[in-house]
Amino acid sequence: MKNRFRVLICIMLVAIMGLTGCRAILDGSIDNGSSDIDTSNTTIDADSSENDSTDTDISSDISSETESNSTSSNATSSKPKPSTSSKDESPSSTVSTEDISSGNDTDNETSDNNSADVESSESESISDGNSGGSTGGIKYIAFTFDDGPSSTYTRKIVDKLASYDGRGTFFVVGNRLTSTTGAAIQYAVNKGNEIGIHAYTHSYKYNNCSESIYQSELSKTADAIHKYLPNYNITLMRPVGGMITDSRLKSCPYAVINWNKDTNDWRYKNPSGNSGKINTIYNNTIKNVKNGDIILMHEIYKNSYEAFCKAVDKLYKDGYRFVTVTELIGKSNIKAGKKYTHG
């Protein structure tokens, strides 16, 4: 009996030892499987890292084209920035009709030396007065000033226009030219503005005065201008009151420049410095203004000058740029014996 019990105990011990061995074997197998899974995870992480590196390279390439080689520190959050350059403020290096007519002094010198075809393109890009707009949303107008020069306001008007890279056209009265006002028109021309003939005495209208008076008014004014601008080529004339006979127009050695927008500023010259009068001129200037306008003002009144400065600030913000009559119409399009009222 005891022997049987001992045998049974031995069998149980053997069975227990067998089970323990099997479990050890099984435990080793499971560890090996876990190691394979860990290795697989490591491979996946490496692939993911490679993908991130590729995105960084692509982002860097795009960024370098749009941000002038600036480096992004975070490839995932970095986005290409759109170009904010303006054709008006930063012209393209590629010359176009818009670049030629953009209004800086260098461009003017270039257009003077170019062929008639380029000048024609210049006219088309600046004028188009009935379109209400032009390429790129920029609109062009010509401020013109009669009855000067002024020892007080001519230079100030030139400087105000220049602050916006602009120019204007001044129709002068010959008997107002002195050493002081002569220096003022020299200053204006040096800044890219243009000078035209108005009258010598401002006492006659060219539709009813005698032929001798008419010829004298033109020739004496031209002589007075050439005293201070000896080599200046005078191409423009504005009749007093805009009035001239058809026969005198046809035989005129200058292009006759009238206007299509009258500010009536001379009506509000007094009292000088009156804010109400200044605002009236200002409103007359900006009301219904459009691309291609030739605007009539006078440079010898304080109220006109103050209103002009306000108008220029407003119009520039509204997309207008300020050019000479010749730039507005186009040099090749302006002919002696023809009358022009707008660009």
C-alpha atoms as a PDB file:
ATOM      1  CA  MET A   1       0.000   0.000   0.000  1.00  0.00           C
ATOM      2  CA  LYS A   2       2.744   2.359   0.964  1.00  0.00           C
ATOM      3  CA  ASN A   3       4.591   1.467  -2.215  1.00  0.00           C
ATOM      4  CA  ARG A   4       1.566   2.361  -4.330  1.00  0.00           C
ATOM      5  CA  PHE A   5       1.308   5.702  -2.524  1.00  0.00           C
ATOM      6  CA  ARG A   6       4.965   6.441  -3.182  1.00  0.00           C
ATOM      7  CA  VAL A   7       4.546   5.546  -6.846  1.00  0.00           C
ATOM      8  CA  LEU A   8       1.544   7.863  -7.084  1.00  0.00           C
ATOM      9  CA  ILE A   9       3.516  10.692  -5.482  1.00  0.00           C
ATOM     10  CA  CYS A  10       6.361  10.174  -7.951  1.00  0.00           C
ATOM     11  CA  ILE A  11       3.966  10.211 -10.906  1.00  0.00           C
ATOM     12  CA  MET A  12       2.448  13.476  -9.623  1.00  0.00           C
ATOM     13  CA  LEU A  13       5.908  15.008  -9.158  1.00  0.00           C
ATOM     14  CA  VAL A  14       6.885  14.020 -12.685  1.00  0.00           C
ATOM     15  CA  ALA A  15       3.669  15.495 -14.016  1.00  0.00           C
ATOM     16  CA  ILE A  16       4.234  18.744 -12.144  1.00  0.00           C
ATOM     17  CA  MET A  17       7.796  18.992 -13.406  1.00  0.00           C
ATOM     18  CA  GLY A  18       6.590  18.359 -16.942  1.00  0.00           C
ATOM     19  CA  LEU A  19       4.009  21.104 -16.724  1.00  0.00           C
ATOM     20  CA  THR A  20       6.629  23.523 -15.394  1.00  0.00           C
ATOM     21  CA  GLY A  21       8.958  22.766 -18.278  1.00  0.00           C
ATOM     22  CA  CYS A  22       6.210  23.249 -20.824  1.00  0.00           C
ATOM     23  CA  ARG A  23       5.316  26.597 -19.303  1.00  0.00           C
ATOM     24  CA  ALA A  24       8.944  27.719 -19.486  1.00  0.00           C
ATOM     25  CA  ILE A  25       9.086  26.740 -23.124  1.00  0.00           C
ATOM     26  CA  LEU A  26       5.830  28.527 -23.799  1.00  0.00           C
ATOM     27  CA  ASP A  27       7.080  31.661 -21.993  1.00  0.00           C
ATOM     28  CA  GLY A  28      10.214  31.777 -24.131  1.00  0.00           C
ATOM     29  CA  SER A  29       8.156  31.546 -27.318  1.00  0.00           C
ATOM     30  CA  ILE A  30       5.982  34.444 -26.319  1.00  0.00           C
ATOM     31  CA  ASP A  31       9.059  36.640 -25.577  1.00  0.00           C
ATOM     32  CA  ASN A  32      10.470  35.878 -29.018  1.00  0.00           C
ATOM     33  CA  GLY A  33       7.208  36.935 -30.629  1.00  0.00           C
ATOM     34  CA  SER A  34       7.166  40.177 -28.656  1.00  0.00           C
ATOM     35  CA  SER A  35      10.684  40.933 -29.850  1.00  0.00           C
ATOM     36  CA  ASP A  36       9.528  40.559 -33.471  1.00  0.00           C
ATOM     37  CA  ILE A  37       6.686  42.971 -32.881  1.00  0.00           C
ATOM     38  CA  ASP A  38       9.031  45.520 -31.285  1.00  0.00           C
ATOM     39  CA  THR A  39      11.337  45.288 -34.291  1.00  0.00           C
ATOM     40  CA  SER A  40       8.373  45.884 -36.592  1.00  0.00           C
ATOM     41  CA  ASN A  41       7.419  48.973 -34.599  1.00  0.00           C
ATOM     42  CA  THR A  42      10.934  50.335 -34.931  1.00  0.00           C
ATOM     43  CA  THR A  43      10.750  49.942 -38.717  1.00  0.00           C
ATOM     44  CA  ILE A  44       7.453  51.834 -38.852  1.00  0.00           C
ATOM     45  CA  ASP A  45       8.910  54.700 -36.778  1.00  0.00           C
ATOM     46  CA  ALA A  46      11.862  54.961 -39.153  1.00  0.00           C
ATOM     47  CA  ASP A  47       9.530  55.215 -42.159  1.00  0.00           C
ATOM     48  CA  SER A  48       7.524  57.906 -40.414  1.00  0.00           C
ATOM     49  CA  SER A  49      10.697  59.903 -39.751  1.00  0.00           C
ATOM     50  CA  GLU A  50      11.625  59.696 -43.443  1.00  0.00           C
ATOM     51  CA  ASN A  51       8.226  61.074 -44.430  1.00  0.00           C
ATOM     52  CA  ASP A  52       8.658  64.052 -42.093  1.00  0.00           C
ATOM     53  CA  SER A  53      12.067  64.765 -43.608  1.00  0.00           C
ATOM     54  CA  THR A  54      10.598  64.753 -47.124  1.00  0.00           C
ATOM     55  CA  ASP A  55       7.852  67.233 -46.139  1.00  0.00           C
ATOM     56  CA  THR A  56      10.477  69.523 -44.685  1.00  0.00           C
ATOM     57  CA  ASP A  57      12.441  69.516 -47.937  1.00  0.00           C
ATOM     58  CA  ILE A  58       9.350  70.310 -50.037  1.00  0.00           C
ATOM     59  CA  SER A  59       8.264  73.057 -47.700  1.00  0.00           C
ATOM     60  CA  SER A  60      11.746  74.516 -47.741  1.00  0.00           C
ATOM     61  CA  ASP A  61      11.823  74.539 -51.555  1.00  0.00           C
ATOM     62  CA  ILE A  62       8.466  76.336 -51.808  1.00  0.00           C
ATOM     63  CA  SER A  63       9.392  78.729 -49.051  1.00  0.00           C
ATOM     64  CA  SER A  64      12.686  79.633 -50.702  1.00  0.00           C
ATOM     65  CA  GLU A  65      10.864  80.654 -53.898  1.00  0.00           C
ATOM     66  CA  THR A  66       8.262  82.822 -52.203  1.00  0.00           C
ATOM     67  CA  GLU A  67      10.176  84.214 -49.239  1.00  0.00           C
ATOM     68  CA  SER A  68      13.655  84.840 -50.713  1.00  0.00           C
ATOM     69  CA  ASN A  69      15.351  81.764 -49.224  1.00  0.00           C
ATOM     70  CA  SER A  70      14.007  82.256 -45.681  1.00  0.00           C
ATOM     71  CA  THR A  71      14.161  79.038 -43.567  1.00  0.00           C
ATOM     72  CA  SER A  72      11.166  77.614 -41.716  1.00  0.00           C
ATOM     73  CA  SER A  73      11.819  76.032 -38.311  1.00  0.00           C
ATOM     74  CA  ASN A  74       8.632  73.912 -38.420  1.00  0.00           C
ATOM     75  CA  ALA A  75       7.980  72.090 -41.676  1.00  0.00           C
ATOM     76  CA  THR A  76       4.487  70.965 -40.733  1.00  0.00           C
ATOM     77  CA  SER A  77       3.141  74.423 -39.846  1.00  0.00           C
ATOM     78  CA  SER A  78       5.098  76.380 -42.482  1.00  0.00           C
ATOM     79  CA  LYS A  79       3.035  77.660 -45.462  1.00  0.00           C
ATOM     80  CA  PRO A  80       4.190  79.416 -48.638  1.00  0.00           C
ATOM     81  CA  LYS A  81       3.422  83.152 -48.458  1.00  0.00           C
ATOM     82  CA  PRO A  82       1.794  84.796 -51.475  1.00  0.00           C
ATOM     83  CA  SER A  83       3.738  87.565 -53.160  1.00  0.00           C
ATOM     84  CA  THR A  84       2.646  91.011 -51.989  1.00  0.00           C
ATOM     85  CA  SER A  85       4.634  93.026 -54.506  1.00  0.00           C
ATOM     86  CA  SER A  86       2.732  95.748 -56.416  1.00  0.00           C
ATOM     87  CA  LYS A  87       3.439  96.661 -60.019  1.00  0.00           C
ATOM     88  CA  ASP A  88       2.823 100.250 -59.093  1.00  0.00           C
ATOM     89  CA  GLU A  89       5.233 100.386 -56.145  1.00  0.00           C
ATOM     90  CA  SER A  90       7.760  97.744 -57.313  1.00  0.00           C
ATOM     91  CA  PRO A  91       7.854  97.543 -61.133  1.00  0.00           C
ATOM     92  CA  SER A  92       8.840  94.253 -62.710  1.00  0.00           C
ATOM     93  CA  SER A  93      12.275  93.991 -64.217  1.00  0.00           C
ATOM     94  CA  THR A  94      10.524  93.094 -67.478  1.00  0.00           C
ATOM     95  CA  VAL A  95       9.761  96.313 -69.365  1.00  0.00           C
ATOM     96  CA  SER A  96       6.109  96.771 -70.280  1.00  0.00           C
ATOM     97  CA  THR A  97       3.937  99.665 -71.364  1.00  0.00           C
ATOM     98  CA  GLU A  98       2.786  99.971 -67.772  1.00  0.00           C
ATOM     99  CA  ASP A  99       6.407 100.221 -66.590  1.00  0.00           C
ATOM    100  CA  ILE A 100       7.188 102.863 -69.214  1.00  0.00           C
ATOM    101  CA  SER A 101       4.233 104.938 -68.065  1.00  0.00           C
ATOM    102  CA  SER A 102       4.709 104.409 -64.334  1.00  0.00           C
ATOM    103  CA  GLY A 103       5.759 108.003 -63.817  1.00  0.00           C
ATOM    104  CA  ASN A 104       9.311 108.172 -62.509  1.00  0.00           C
ATOM    105  CA  ASP A 105      11.978 110.432 -63.957  1.00  0.00           C
ATOM    106  CA  THR A 106      14.057 107.567 -65.348  1.00  0.00           C
ATOM    107  CA  ASP A 107      11.067 106.201 -67.247  1.00  0.00           C
ATOM    108  CA  ASN A 108      10.411 109.622 -68.754  1.00  0.00           C
ATOM    109  CA  GLU A 109      13.934 109.822 -70.097  1.00  0.00           C
ATOM    110  CA  THR A 110      13.596 106.319 -71.485  1.00  0.00           C
ATOM    111  CA  SER A 111      10.307 107.046 -73.229  1.00  0.00           C
ATOM    112  CA  ASP A 112      11.750 110.200 -74.835  1.00  0.00           C
ATOM    113  CA  ASN A 113      14.459 108.098 -76.455  1.00  0.00           C
ATOM    114  CA  ASN A 114      12.168 105.292 -77.557  1.00  0.00           C
ATOM    115  CA  SER A 115      10.467 104.862 -80.915  1.00  0.00           C
ATOM    116  CA  ALA A 116       7.024 106.201 -81.832  1.00  0.00           C
ATOM    117  CA  ASP A 117       5.600 102.723 -81.344  1.00  0.00           C
ATOM    118  CA  VAL A 118       6.670 102.709 -77.693  1.00  0.00           C
ATOM    119  CA  GLU A 119       5.321 106.232 -77.235  1.00  0.00           C
ATOM    120  CA  SER A 120       2.012 105.098 -78.688  1.00  0.00           C
ATOM    121  CA  SER A 121       1.908 102.236 -76.182  1.00  0.00           C
ATOM    122  CA  GLU A 122       2.681 104.741 -73.435  1.00  0.00           C
ATOM    123  CA  SER A 123      -0.319 106.789 -74.459  1.00  0.00           C
ATOM    124  CA  GLU A 124      -2.602 103.766 -74.538  1.00  0.00           C
ATOM    125  CA  SER A 125      -1.512 102.646 -71.087  1.00  0.00           C
ATOM    126  CA  ILE A 126      -1.903 106.043 -69.416  1.00  0.00           C
ATOM    127  CA  SER A 127      -4.832 107.676 -71.133  1.00  0.00           C
ATOM    128  CA  ASP A 128      -7.985 105.753 -72.146  1.00  0.00           C
ATOM    129  CA  GLY A 129      -9.953 108.539 -70.514  1.00  0.00           C
ATOM    130  CA  ASN A 130     -13.373 106.973 -71.081  1.00  0.00           C
ATOM    131  CA  SER A 131     -12.589 103.632 -69.502  1.00  0.00           C
ATOM    132  CA  GLY A 132     -12.778 104.743 -65.882  1.00  0.00           C
ATOM    133  CA  GLY A 133      -9.697 102.695 -65.065  1.00  0.00           C
ATOM    134  CA  SER A 134      -6.460 101.277 -66.387  1.00  0.00           C
ATOM    135  CA  THR A 135      -4.187  98.283 -66.090  1.00  0.00           C
ATOM    136  CA  GLY A 136      -3.710  97.166 -62.495  1.00  0.00           C
ATOM    137  CA  GLY A 137      -6.407  99.490 -61.177  1.00  0.00           C
ATOM    138  CA  ILE A 138      -4.175 102.574 -61.465  1.00  0.00           C
ATOM    139  CA  LYS A 139      -5.822 105.711 -62.864  1.00  0.00           C
ATOM    140  CA  TYR A 140      -4.052 108.746 -64.271  1.00  0.00           C
ATOM    141  CA  ILE A 141      -5.014 112.419 -64.178  1.00  0.00           C
ATOM    142  CA  ALA A 142      -3.237 115.645 -65.104  1.00  0.00           C
ATOM    143  CA  PHE A 143      -3.357 118.643 -62.800  1.00  0.00           C
ATOM    144  CA  THR A 144      -2.869 121.874 -64.747  1.00  0.00           C
ATOM    145  CA  PHE A 145      -2.229 125.310 -63.234  1.00  0.00           C
ATOM    146  CA  ASP A 146      -2.908 128.666 -64.877  1.00  0.00           C
ATOM    147  CA  ASP A 147      -1.861 132.286 -64.241  1.00  0.00           C
ATOM    148  CA  GLY A 148       1.473 131.639 -62.540  1.00  0.00           C
ATOM    149  CA  PRO A 149       4.262 131.375 -61.787  1.00  0.00           C
ATOM    150  CA  SER A 150       3.867 132.137 -58.107  1.00  0.00           C
ATOM    151  CA  SER A 151       6.787 133.036 -55.903  1.00  0.00           C
ATOM    152  CA  THR A 152       4.891 131.404 -53.009  1.00  0.00           C
ATOM    153  CA  TYR A 153       3.039 128.368 -54.320  1.00  0.00           C
ATOM    154  CA  THR A 154       4.710 127.029 -57.487  1.00  0.00           C
ATOM    155  CA  ARG A 155       7.502 125.241 -55.643  1.00  0.00           C
ATOM    156  CA  LYS A 156       5.072 124.002 -52.988  1.00  0.00           C
ATOM    157  CA  ILE A 157       2.786 122.507 -55.631  1.00  0.00           C
ATOM    158  CA  VAL A 158       5.771 120.822 -57.285  1.00  0.00           C
ATOM    159  CA  ASP A 159       6.894 119.384 -53.952  1.00  0.00           C
ATOM    160  CA  LYS A 160       3.409 118.131 -53.093  1.00  0.00           C
ATOM    161  CA  LEU A 161       3.155 116.299 -56.408  1.00  0.00           C
ATOM    162  CA  ALA A 162       6.695 114.953 -55.988  1.00  0.00           C
ATOM    163  CA  SER A 163       5.776 113.497 -52.594  1.00  0.00           C
ATOM    164  CA  TYR A 164       3.580 111.071 -54.578  1.00  0.00           C
ATOM    165  CA  ASP A 165       6.074 110.701 -57.446  1.00  0.00           C
ATOM    166  CA  GLY A 166       3.820 112.960 -59.507  1.00  0.00           C
ATOM    167  CA  ARG A 167       4.146 115.892 -61.890  1.00  0.00           C
ATOM    168  CA  GLY A 168       1.902 118.597 -63.320  1.00  0.00           C
ATOM    169  CA  THR A 169       1.640 121.120 -66.152  1.00  0.00           C
ATOM    170  CA  PHE A 170       1.970 124.880 -65.617  1.00  0.00           C
ATOM    171  CA  PHE A 171       0.594 127.417 -68.120  1.00  0.00           C
ATOM    172  CA  VAL A 172       2.399 130.633 -67.310  1.00  0.00           C
ATOM    173  CA  VAL A 173       1.768 134.346 -67.800  1.00  0.00           C
ATOM    174  CA  GLY A 174       4.823 135.961 -69.359  1.00  0.00           C
ATOM    175  CA  ASN A 175       4.788 139.255 -67.470  1.00  0.00           C
ATOM    176  CA  ARG A 176       4.833 137.364 -64.151  1.00  0.00           C
ATOM    177  CA  LEU A 177       8.251 135.907 -64.884  1.00  0.00           C
ATOM    178  CA  THR A 178      10.953 137.488 -62.740  1.00  0.00           C
ATOM    179  CA  SER A 179      14.196 136.196 -61.306  1.00  0.00           C
ATOM    180  CA  THR A 180      12.235 134.648 -58.424  1.00  0.00           C
ATOM    181  CA  THR A 181       9.411 133.086 -60.433  1.00  0.00           C
ATOM    182  CA  GLY A 182      11.851 132.201 -63.188  1.00  0.00           C
ATOM    183  CA  ALA A 183      13.764 130.133 -60.654  1.00  0.00           C
ATOM    184  CA  ALA A 184      10.437 128.516 -59.702  1.00  0.00           C
ATOM    185  CA  ILE A 185       9.786 127.234 -63.244  1.00  0.00           C
ATOM    186  CA  GLN A 186      13.372 126.008 -63.442  1.00  0.00           C
ATOM    187  CA  TYR A 187      12.716 124.077 -60.254  1.00  0.00           C
ATOM    188  CA  ALA A 188       9.480 122.686 -61.700  1.00  0.00           C
ATOM    189  CA  VAL A 189      11.127 121.467 -64.896  1.00  0.00           C
ATOM    190  CA  ASN A 190      14.016 119.911 -62.984  1.00  0.00           C
ATOM    191  CA  LYS A 191      11.411 117.886 -61.066  1.00  0.00           C
ATOM    192  CA  GLY A 192       9.841 116.577 -64.290  1.00  0.00           C
ATOM    193  CA  ASN A 193       6.961 119.030 -64.650  1.00  0.00           C
ATOM    194  CA  GLU A 194       6.183 120.807 -67.901  1.00  0.00           C
ATOM    195  CA  ILE A 195       5.649 124.458 -68.828  1.00  0.00           C
ATOM    196  CA  GLY A 196       3.231 125.828 -71.401  1.00  0.00           C
ATOM    197  CA  ILE A 197       2.185 129.251 -72.690  1.00  0.00           C
ATOM    198  CA  HIS A 198      -0.921 130.941 -71.301  1.00  0.00           C
ATOM    199  CA  ALA A 199      -0.583 134.638 -72.128  1.00  0.00           C
ATOM    200  CA  TYR A 200       1.748 137.563 -71.674  1.00  0.00           C
ATOM    201  CA  THR A 201      -0.676 140.077 -70.164  1.00  0.00           C
ATOM    202  CA  HIS A 202      -3.789 137.924 -69.550  1.00  0.00           C
ATOM    203  CA  SER A 203      -5.807 140.852 -70.886  1.00  0.00           C
ATOM    204  CA  TYR A 204      -7.066 139.347 -74.144  1.00  0.00           C
ATOM    205  CA  LYS A 205      -9.015 136.336 -75.313  1.00  0.00           C
ATOM    206  CA  TYR A 206      -7.786 134.690 -78.462  1.00  0.00           C
ATOM    207  CA  ASN A 207     -11.210 134.461 -80.074  1.00  0.00           C
ATOM    208  CA  ASN A 208     -11.770 138.228 -80.364  1.00  0.00           C
ATOM    209  CA  CYS A 209      -8.428 140.091 -80.127  1.00  0.00           C
ATOM    210  CA  SER A 210      -6.486 141.352 -83.125  1.00  0.00           C
ATOM    211  CA  GLU A 211      -4.026 139.103 -84.908  1.00  0.00           C
ATOM    212  CA  SER A 212      -1.087 141.262 -83.865  1.00  0.00           C
ATOM    213  CA  ILE A 213      -2.083 141.098 -80.204  1.00  0.00           C
ATOM    214  CA  TYR A 214      -2.600 137.337 -80.448  1.00  0.00           C
ATOM    215  CA  GLN A 215       0.828 136.798 -81.978  1.00  0.00           C
ATOM    216  CA  SER A 216       2.457 139.136 -79.466  1.00  0.00           C
ATOM    217  CA  GLU A 217       0.891 137.350 -76.497  1.00  0.00           C
ATOM    218  CA  LEU A 218       2.313 134.022 -77.653  1.00  0.00           C
ATOM    219  CA  SER A 219       5.754 135.164 -78.788  1.00  0.00           C
ATOM    220  CA  LYS A 220       6.498 137.400 -75.796  1.00  0.00           C
ATOM    221  CA  THR A 221       5.510 134.629 -73.392  1.00  0.00           C
ATOM    222  CA  ALA A 222       7.742 132.148 -75.218  1.00  0.00           C
ATOM    223  CA  ASP A 223      10.629 134.622 -74.998  1.00  0.00           C
ATOM    224  CA  ALA A 224      10.032 135.125 -71.272  1.00  0.00           C
ATOM    225  CA  ILE A 225      10.068 131.363 -70.674  1.00  0.00           C
ATOM    226  CA  HIS A 226      13.238 130.897 -72.702  1.00  0.00           C
ATOM    227  CA  LYS A 227      14.977 133.582 -70.667  1.00  0.00           C
ATOM    228  CA  TYR A 228      14.952 131.157 -67.740  1.00  0.00           C
ATOM    229  CA  LEU A 229      14.746 127.889 -69.682  1.00  0.00           C
ATOM    230  CA  PRO A 230      16.874 128.604 -72.779  1.00  0.00           C
ATOM    231  CA  ASN A 231      16.786 125.076 -74.209  1.00  0.00           C
ATOM    232  CA  TYR A 232      13.238 124.181 -73.234  1.00  0.00           C
ATOM    233  CA  ASN A 233      11.024 122.956 -76.081  1.00  0.00           C
ATOM    234  CA  ILE A 234       7.614 124.595 -75.628  1.00  0.00           C
ATOM    235  CA  THR A 235       4.892 122.390 -77.127  1.00  0.00           C
ATOM    236  CA  LEU A 236       1.722 123.386 -75.241  1.00  0.00           C
ATOM    237  CA  MET A 237      -0.490 126.450 -75.062  1.00  0.00           C
ATOM    238  CA  ARG A 238      -3.696 127.202 -73.165  1.00  0.00           C
ATOM    239  CA  PRO A 239      -5.811 130.125 -74.371  1.00  0.00           C
ATOM    240  CA  VAL A 240      -7.143 132.589 -71.813  1.00  0.00           C
ATOM    241  CA  GLY A 241     -10.599 131.312 -70.851  1.00  0.00           C
ATOM    242  CA  GLY A 242     -10.003 128.374 -73.211  1.00  0.00           C
ATOM    243  CA  MET A 243     -11.168 130.528 -76.124  1.00  0.00           C
ATOM    244  CA  ILE A 244      -9.576 130.545 -79.589  1.00  0.00           C
ATOM    245  CA  THR A 245     -10.928 130.754 -83.117  1.00  0.00           C
ATOM    246  CA  ASP A 246     -10.862 127.703 -85.361  1.00  0.00           C
ATOM    247  CA  SER A 247      -8.475 129.374 -87.814  1.00  0.00           C
ATOM    248  CA  ARG A 248      -6.027 130.315 -85.058  1.00  0.00           C
ATOM    249  CA  LEU A 249      -6.271 126.825 -83.606  1.00  0.00           C
ATOM    250  CA  LYS A 250      -5.371 125.235 -86.940  1.00  0.00           C
ATOM    251  CA  SER A 251      -2.372 127.513 -87.482  1.00  0.00           C
ATOM    252  CA  CYS A 252      -1.178 127.459 -83.874  1.00  0.00           C
ATOM    253  CA  PRO A 253       2.445 126.273 -83.531  1.00  0.00           C
ATOM    254  CA  TYR A 254       1.512 124.594 -80.236  1.00  0.00           C
ATOM    255  CA  ALA A 255      -0.952 121.961 -79.121  1.00  0.00           C
ATOM    256  CA  VAL A 256      -3.908 123.718 -77.475  1.00  0.00           C
ATOM    257  CA  ILE A 257      -4.723 122.203 -74.091  1.00  0.00           C
ATOM    258  CA  ASN A 258      -8.070 122.927 -72.494  1.00  0.00           C
ATOM    259  CA  TRP A 259      -9.686 120.772 -69.780  1.00  0.00           C
ATOM    260  CA  ASN A 260     -12.663 118.588 -68.973  1.00  0.00           C
ATOM    261  CA  LYS A 261     -12.796 119.280 -65.227  1.00  0.00           C
ATOM    262  CA  ASP A 262     -12.995 122.864 -63.960  1.00  0.00           C
ATOM    263  CA  THR A 263     -12.601 123.303 -60.197  1.00  0.00           C
ATOM    264  CA  ASN A 264     -13.737 126.967 -60.404  1.00  0.00           C
ATOM    265  CA  ASP A 265     -11.165 127.608 -57.705  1.00  0.00           C
ATOM    266  CA  TRP A 266     -10.707 131.271 -58.681  1.00  0.00           C
ATOM    267  CA  ARG A 267     -14.298 131.970 -57.629  1.00  0.00           C
ATOM    268  CA  TYR A 268     -13.436 130.988 -54.046  1.00  0.00           C
ATOM    269  CA  LYS A 269     -10.084 132.724 -53.629  1.00  0.00           C
ATOM    270  CA  ASN A 270     -11.409 135.123 -50.967  1.00  0.00           C
ATOM    271  CA  PRO A 271     -11.296 135.322 -48.058  1.00  0.00           C
ATOM    272  CA  SER A 272      -7.861 133.767 -48.181  1.00  0.00           C
ATOM    273  CA  GLY A 273      -7.479 130.823 -45.828  1.00  0.00           C
ATOM    274  CA  ASN A 274     -11.229 130.406 -45.323  1.00  0.00           C
ATOM    275  CA  SER A 275     -11.911 126.733 -44.542  1.00  0.00           C
ATOM    276  CA  GLY A 276     -15.341 126.810 -46.163  1.00  0.00           C
ATOM    277  CA  LYS A 277     -13.949 128.124 -49.450  1.00  0.00           C
ATOM    278  CA  ILE A 278     -11.092 125.616 -49.326  1.00  0.00           C
ATOM    279  CA  ASN A 279     -13.525 122.744 -48.802  1.00  0.00           C
ATOM    280  CA  THR A 280     -15.661 123.942 -51.717  1.00  0.00           C
ATOM    281  CA  ILE A 281     -12.655 123.854 -54.055  1.00  0.00           C
ATOM    282  CA  TYR A 282     -11.640 120.482 -52.631  1.00  0.00           C
ATOM    283  CA  ASN A 283     -15.084 118.998 -53.270  1.00  0.00           C
ATOM    284  CA  ASN A 284     -15.144 120.473 -56.788  1.00  0.00           C
ATOM    285  CA  THR A 285     -11.804 118.780 -57.453  1.00  0.00           C
ATOM    286  CA  ILE A 286     -12.585 115.260 -56.278  1.00  0.00           C
ATOM    287  CA  LYS A 287     -16.259 115.085 -57.295  1.00  0.00           C
ATOM    288  CA  ASN A 288     -16.831 112.693 -60.213  1.00  0.00           C
ATOM    289  CA  VAL A 289     -13.137 112.616 -61.071  1.00  0.00           C
ATOM    290  CA  LYS A 290     -12.198 109.848 -63.504  1.00  0.00           C
ATOM    291  CA  ASN A 291      -9.264 108.343 -65.300  1.00  0.00           C
ATOM    292  CA  GLY A 292      -7.891 110.633 -68.024  1.00  0.00           C
ATOM    293  CA  ASP A 293      -9.174 113.921 -66.584  1.00  0.00           C
ATOM    294  CA  ILE A 294      -7.347 117.179 -67.241  1.00  0.00           C
ATOM    295  CA  ILE A 295      -8.084 119.287 -64.170  1.00  0.00           C
ATOM    296  CA  LEU A 296      -7.992 123.096 -64.237  1.00  0.00           C
ATOM    297  CA  MET A 297      -6.686 124.979 -61.197  1.00  0.00           C
ATOM    298  CA  HIS A 298      -4.766 128.192 -60.501  1.00  0.00           C
ATOM    299  CA  GLU A 299      -1.459 128.321 -58.661  1.00  0.00           C
ATOM    300  CA  ILE A 300      -1.578 131.892 -57.322  1.00  0.00           C
ATOM    301  CA  TYR A 301      -4.226 131.555 -54.586  1.00  0.00           C
ATOM    302  CA  LYS A 302      -3.783 130.210 -51.076  1.00  0.00           C
ATOM    303  CA  ASN A 303      -7.241 128.580 -51.041  1.00  0.00           C
ATOM    304  CA  SER A 304      -6.478 126.781 -54.299  1.00  0.00           C
ATOM    305  CA  TYR A 305      -3.190 125.489 -52.945  1.00  0.00           C
ATOM    306  CA  GLU A 306      -4.711 124.237 -49.685  1.00  0.00           C
ATOM    307  CA  ALA A 307      -7.583 122.512 -51.505  1.00  0.00           C
ATOM    308  CA  PHE A 308      -5.165 120.989 -54.014  1.00  0.00           C
ATOM    309  CA  CYS A 309      -3.080 119.425 -51.221  1.00  0.00           C
ATOM    310  CA  LYS A 310      -6.173 117.850 -49.642  1.00  0.00           C
ATOM    311  CA  ALA A 311      -7.385 116.604 -53.028  1.00  0.00           C
ATOM    312  CA  VAL A 312      -4.032 115.016 -53.900  1.00  0.00           C
ATOM    313  CA  ASP A 313      -3.984 113.118 -50.602  1.00  0.00           C
ATOM    314  CA  LYS A 314      -7.497 111.802 -51.204  1.00  0.00           C
ATOM    315  CA  LEU A 315      -7.077 110.965 -54.888  1.00  0.00           C
ATOM    316  CA  TYR A 316      -3.827 109.097 -54.342  1.00  0.00           C
ATOM    317  CA  LYS A 317      -5.534 106.874 -51.779  1.00  0.00           C
ATOM    318  CA  ASP A 318      -8.276 106.260 -54.346  1.00  0.00           C
ATOM    319  CA  GLY A 319      -5.741 104.917 -56.851  1.00  0.00           C
ATOM    320  CA  TYR A 320      -4.985 108.020 -58.923  1.00  0.00           C
ATOM    321  CA  ARG A 321      -1.513 108.954 -60.103  1.00  0.00           C
ATOM    322  CA  PHE A 322      -0.491 112.428 -61.253  1.00  0.00           C
ATOM    323  CA  VAL A 323       1.172 112.981 -64.609  1.00  0.00           C
ATOM    324  CA  THR A 324       1.809 115.794 -67.064  1.00  0.00           C
ATOM    325  CA  VAL A 325      -0.550 116.475 -69.952  1.00  0.00           C
ATOM    326  CA  THR A 326       2.029 115.078 -72.362  1.00  0.00           C
ATOM    327  CA  GLU A 327       2.326 111.867 -70.354  1.00  0.00           C
ATOM    328  CA  LEU A 328      -1.450 111.569 -70.097  1.00  0.00           C
ATOM    329  CA  ILE A 329      -2.151 111.984 -73.806  1.00  0.00           C
ATOM    330  CA  GLY A 330       1.079 110.481 -75.137  1.00  0.00           C
ATOM    331  CA  LYS A 331       3.931 112.440 -76.677  1.00  0.00           C
ATOM    332  CA  SER A 332       3.425 111.032 -80.155  1.00  0.00           C
ATOM    333  CA  ASN A 333      -0.295 111.831 -80.013  1.00  0.00           C
ATOM    334  CA  ILE A 334       0.045 115.560 -79.255  1.00  0.00           C
ATOM    335  CA  LYS A 335       0.112 117.653 -82.416  1.00  0.00           C
ATOM    336  CA  ALA A 336       0.440 121.381 -82.995  1.00  0.00           C
ATOM    337  CA  GLY A 337      -2.812 122.954 -84.191  1.00  0.00           C
ATOM    338  CA  LYS A 338      -4.981 120.411 -82.355  1.00  0.00           C
ATOM    339  CA  LYS A 339      -7.089 120.919 -79.245  1.00  0.00           C
ATOM    340  CA  TYR A 340      -7.227 118.470 -76.338  1.00  0.00           C
ATOM    341  CA  THR A 341      -9.570 118.444 -73.381  1.00  0.00           C
ATOM    342  CA  HIS A 342      -8.797 115.089 -71.728  1.00  0.00           C
ATOM    343  CA  GLY A 343      -6.532 112.097 -71.944  1.00  0.00           C
END
